[in-house]
C-alpha atoms as a PDB file:
ATOM      1  CA  MET A   1      75.050 101.309  92.491  1.00  0.00           C
ATOM      2  CA  GLY A   2      71.512 100.210  91.165  1.00  0.00           C
ATOM      3  CA  LEU A   3      68.898 101.705  88.722  1.00  0.00           C
ATOM      4  CA  SER A   4      65.403 102.106  88.967  1.00  0.00           C
ATOM      5  CA  ILE A   5      63.697 102.279  85.580  1.00  0.00           C
ATOM      6  CA  LEU A   6      60.015 103.310  86.387  1.00  0.00           C
ATOM      7  CA  ILE A   7      57.335 104.067  83.818  1.00  0.00           C
ATOM      8  CA  PRO A   8      54.047 105.461  84.714  1.00  0.00           C
ATOM      9  CA  VAL A   9      51.348 104.110  82.483  1.00  0.00           C
ATOM     10  CA  TYR A  10      47.932 104.938  81.095  1.00  0.00           C
ATOM     11  CA  ASN A  11      45.884 103.178  78.309  1.00  0.00           C
ATOM     12  CA  TYR A  12      49.322 102.286  76.739  1.00  0.00           C
ATOM     13  CA  GLU A  13      49.948  98.738  76.019  1.00  0.00           C
ATOM     14  CA  VAL A  14      54.100  98.267  76.846  1.00  0.00           C
ATOM     15  CA  SER A  15      54.960  95.121  76.990  1.00  0.00           C
ATOM     16  CA  SER A  16      57.247  95.328  74.493  1.00  0.00           C
ATOM     17  CA  LEU A  17      59.141  98.159  76.024  1.00  0.00           C
ATOM     18  CA  VAL A  18      59.242  96.420  79.128  1.00  0.00           C
ATOM     19  CA  LYS A  19      60.991  93.675  77.656  1.00  0.00           C
ATOM     20  CA  SER A  20      63.844  95.254  75.715  1.00  0.00           C
ATOM     21  CA  LEU A  21      64.395  97.160  78.735  1.00  0.00           C
ATOM     22  CA  ALA A  22      64.215  93.751  80.846  1.00  0.00           C
ATOM     23  CA  ASP A  23      67.106  91.941  78.207  1.00  0.00           C
ATOM     24  CA  GLN A  24      69.195  95.117  78.015  1.00  0.00           C
ATOM     25  CA  LEU A  25      69.180  95.430  82.057  1.00  0.00           C
ATOM     26  CA  LYS A  26      70.239  91.518  81.889  1.00  0.00           C
ATOM     27  CA  LYS A  27      73.382  92.188  79.295  1.00  0.00           C
ATOM     28  CA  THR A  28      74.435  95.329  81.339  1.00  0.00           C
ATOM     29  CA  GLY A  29      75.095  92.654  84.179  1.00  0.00           C
ATOM     30  CA  LYS A  30      74.035  95.917  86.334  1.00  0.00           C
ATOM     31  CA  GLN A  31      71.657  96.226  89.355  1.00  0.00           C
ATOM     32  CA  GLY A  32      68.399  97.451  88.487  1.00  0.00           C
ATOM     33  CA  GLU A  33      64.272  97.450  88.608  1.00  0.00           C
ATOM     34  CA  ILE A  34      61.967  98.072  86.345  1.00  0.00           C
ATOM     35  CA  ILE A  35      58.698  99.617  87.855  1.00  0.00           C
ATOM     36  CA  ILE A  36      55.569  99.590  85.728  1.00  0.00           C
ATOM     37  CA  LEU A  37      52.705 101.941  87.475  1.00  0.00           C
ATOM     38  CA  ASP A  38      49.107 101.834  85.927  1.00  0.00           C
ATOM     39  CA  ASP A  39      46.783 104.513  86.331  1.00  0.00           C
ATOM     40  CA  CYS A  40      44.025 102.844  86.137  1.00  0.00           C
ATOM     41  CA  SER A  41      44.093 102.581  82.684  1.00  0.00           C
ATOM     42  CA  ASP A  42      41.306 100.605  81.006  1.00  0.00           C
ATOM     43  CA  SER A  43      41.202  96.891  81.854  1.00  0.00           C
ATOM     44  CA  TYR A  44      41.918  95.699  78.169  1.00  0.00           C
ATOM     45  CA  PHE A  45      45.493  97.293  78.499  1.00  0.00           C
ATOM     46  CA  ILE A  46      45.878  96.463  82.269  1.00  0.00           C
ATOM     47  CA  SER A  47      45.598  92.613  81.293  1.00  0.00           C
ATOM     48  CA  LYS A  48      48.514  93.128  78.743  1.00  0.00           C
ATOM     49  CA  ASN A  49      50.795  95.494  80.608  1.00  0.00           C
ATOM     50  CA  LYS A  50      50.044  93.020  83.766  1.00  0.00           C
ATOM     51  CA  VAL A  51      52.286  89.993  82.252  1.00  0.00           C
ATOM     52  CA  THR A  52      55.432  92.057  82.636  1.00  0.00           C
ATOM     53  CA  SER A  53      55.117  91.518  86.241  1.00  0.00           C
ATOM     54  CA  GLU A  54      56.463  87.705  85.295  1.00  0.00           C
ATOM     55  CA  ILE A  55      59.760  89.418  83.796  1.00  0.00           C
ATOM     56  CA  PRO A  56      62.466  88.399  86.346  1.00  0.00           C
ATOM     57  CA  ASN A  57      63.591  92.289  87.789  1.00  0.00           C
ATOM     58  CA  VAL A  58      60.149  93.480  86.645  1.00  0.00           C
ATOM     59  CA  SER A  59      57.119  94.865  89.501  1.00  0.00           C
ATOM     60  CA  PHE A  60      53.601  95.908  88.114  1.00  0.00           C
ATOM     61  CA  TYR A  61      51.043  98.193  90.435  1.00  0.00           C
ATOM     62  CA  GLN A  62      47.872  99.628  89.550  1.00  0.00           C
ATOM     63  CA  ASN A  63      46.467 102.492  91.356  1.00  0.00           C
ATOM     64  CA  GLU A  64      42.394 102.302  92.004  1.00  0.00           C
ATOM     65  CA  ARG A  65      41.267 105.164  90.685  1.00  0.00           C
ATOM     66  CA  ASN A  66      43.065 108.158  88.009  1.00  0.00           C
ATOM     67  CA  GLU A  67      45.356 110.074  90.152  1.00  0.00           C
ATOM     68  CA  GLY A  68      47.594 111.998  87.098  1.00  0.00           C
ATOM     69  CA  ARG A  69      51.320 111.998  85.930  1.00  0.00           C
ATOM     70  CA  GLU A  70      52.435 114.061  88.162  1.00  0.00           C
ATOM     71  CA  ALA A  71      50.899 111.827  91.427  1.00  0.00           C
ATOM     72  CA  ALA A  72      51.905 108.572  89.502  1.00  0.00           C
ATOM     73  CA  ARG A  73      55.774 109.968  89.256  1.00  0.00           C
ATOM     74  CA  LYS A  74      55.659 110.555  93.060  1.00  0.00           C
ATOM     75  CA  LYS A  75      54.726 107.050  94.096  1.00  0.00           C
ATOM     76  CA  LEU A  76      56.675 105.503  90.942  1.00  0.00           C
ATOM     77  CA  SER A  77      59.853 107.465  93.221  1.00  0.00           C
ATOM     78  CA  ARG A  78      59.552 105.594  96.431  1.00  0.00           C
ATOM     79  CA  LEU A  79      58.234 102.107  95.467  1.00  0.00           C
ATOM     80  CA  ALA A  80      62.051 102.593  94.009  1.00  0.00           C
ATOM     81  CA  LYS A  81      64.656 100.544  95.721  1.00  0.00           C
ATOM     82  CA  GLU A  82      68.122 101.987  94.207  1.00  0.00           C
ATOM     83  CA  ASP A  83      69.462 104.767  94.632  1.00  0.00           C
ATOM     84  CA  ASN A  84      69.599 106.273  90.417  1.00  0.00           C
ATOM     85  CA  LEU A  85      66.185 107.281  88.524  1.00  0.00           C
ATOM     86  CA  LEU A  86      65.056 107.049  85.751  1.00  0.00           C
ATOM     87  CA  PHE A  87      61.855 107.827  84.218  1.00  0.00           C
ATOM     88  CA  LEU A  88      60.315 107.185  81.228  1.00  0.00           C
ATOM     89  CA  ASP A  89      56.961 107.647  78.916  1.00  0.00           C
ATOM     90  CA  CYS A  90      55.328 104.457  77.803  1.00  0.00           C
ATOM     91  CA  ASP A  91      55.381 105.616  74.332  1.00  0.00           C
ATOM     92  CA  CYS A  92      58.878 105.800  74.508  1.00  0.00           C
ATOM     93  CA  GLU A  93      61.126 103.343  71.807  1.00  0.00           C
ATOM     94  CA  LEU A  94      64.353 102.207  72.252  1.00  0.00           C
ATOM     95  CA  ILE A  95      66.535 102.746  69.187  1.00  0.00           C
ATOM     96  CA  TYR A  96      69.544 101.463  70.371  1.00  0.00           C
ATOM     97  CA  GLU A  97      70.495  98.457  72.581  1.00  0.00           C
ATOM     98  CA  ASN A  98      73.309 100.090  75.006  1.00  0.00           C
ATOM     99  CA  PHE A  99      70.566 102.476  75.751  1.00  0.00           C
ATOM    100  CA  LEU A 100      70.832 101.089  79.791  1.00  0.00           C
ATOM    101  CA  ALA A 101      74.586 101.079  79.274  1.00  0.00           C
ATOM    102  CA  VAL A 102      74.914 104.889  78.956  1.00  0.00           C
ATOM    103  CA  TYR A 103      72.566 105.570  81.698  1.00  0.00           C
ATOM    104  CA  PHE A 104      74.995 102.809  83.953  1.00  0.00           C
ATOM    105  CA  GLY A 105      77.928 104.803  82.513  1.00  0.00           C
ATOM    106  CA  LEU A 106      77.071 108.359  83.760  1.00  0.00           C
ATOM    107  CA  ILE A 107      76.121 106.308  87.349  1.00  0.00           C
ATOM    108  CA  ALA A 108      79.882 105.428  86.971  1.00  0.00           C
ATOM    109  CA  GLU A 109      80.922 109.099  86.263  1.00  0.00           C
ATOM    110  CA  ASN A 110      78.715 110.008  89.076  1.00  0.00           C
ATOM    111  CA  ILE A 111      76.878 113.044  86.682  1.00  0.00           C
ATOM    112  CA  PRO A 112      73.928 113.825  89.101  1.00  0.00           C
ATOM    113  CA  LEU A 113      71.935 115.029  86.963  1.00  0.00           C
ATOM    114  CA  ALA A 114      70.707 113.993  83.098  1.00  0.00           C
ATOM    115  CA  SER A 115      67.439 114.843  81.508  1.00  0.00           C
ATOM    116  CA  GLY A 116      65.966 113.204  78.170  1.00  0.00           C
ATOM    117  CA  GLY A 117      63.187 113.128  75.443  1.00  0.00           C
ATOM    118  CA  THR A 118      65.187 112.684  72.038  1.00  0.00           C
ATOM    119  CA  SER A 119      68.879 113.080  73.068  1.00  0.00           C
ATOM    120  CA  ILE A 120      70.537 112.162  76.785  1.00  0.00           C
ATOM    121  CA  HIS A 121      71.877 116.145  78.163  1.00  0.00           C
ATOM    122  CA  VAL A 122      74.006 115.670  81.525  1.00  0.00           C
ATOM    123  CA  LEU A 123      74.147 118.631  84.136  1.00  0.00           C
ATOM    124  CA  ASN A 124      76.985 120.456  82.142  1.00  0.00           C
ATOM    125  CA  LEU A 125      74.741 120.641  79.482  1.00  0.00           C
ATOM    126  CA  GLN A 126      76.835 118.315  77.369  1.00  0.00           C
ATOM    127  CA  ILE A 127      74.463 116.386  74.616  1.00  0.00           C
ATOM    128  CA  VAL A 128      76.002 112.462  75.320  1.00  0.00           C
ATOM    129  CA  ASN A 129      73.726 111.100  72.056  1.00  0.00           C
ATOM    130  CA  LEU A 130      70.395 110.435  70.709  1.00  0.00           C
ATOM    131  CA  TYR A 131      69.052 107.482  72.764  1.00  0.00           C
ATOM    132  CA  CYS A 132      65.033 107.010  72.817  1.00  0.00           C
ATOM    133  CA  ILE A 133      61.918 108.497  71.324  1.00  0.00           C
ATOM    134  CA  GLY A 134      58.669 109.084  72.249  1.00  0.00           C
ATOM    135  CA  ASN A 135      55.703 108.733  70.208  1.00  0.00           C
ATOM    136  CA  MET A 136      53.829 111.604  71.316  1.00  0.00           C
END
């Protein structure tokens, strides 16, 4: 089972985050994709982020008008090709090199739901570990 990593973006540069995720995905040897949806950012950010589509397993899409976070997430879920979805905020920072490996571990254990912020919580409310920090 693969993993679709879905990142809605608005006026934020995500190229370093996407490169880190792509490197981790490659290291896991697992099936996956990274999809970025730009929600009508300024041209500066679009030009910076569009180059991520040159990275293997990365797709970049743009909305013609700003539709908001909820609509962007719904659109990303429709674009996803894999069975498992991981939504990340564009301003998060990976602080561990095994960030994706943990999610693939949860998939292997058939854990149906995990939610995070500064910690990953699985359906039975067990805290797995601290992995991604948002810069909000």
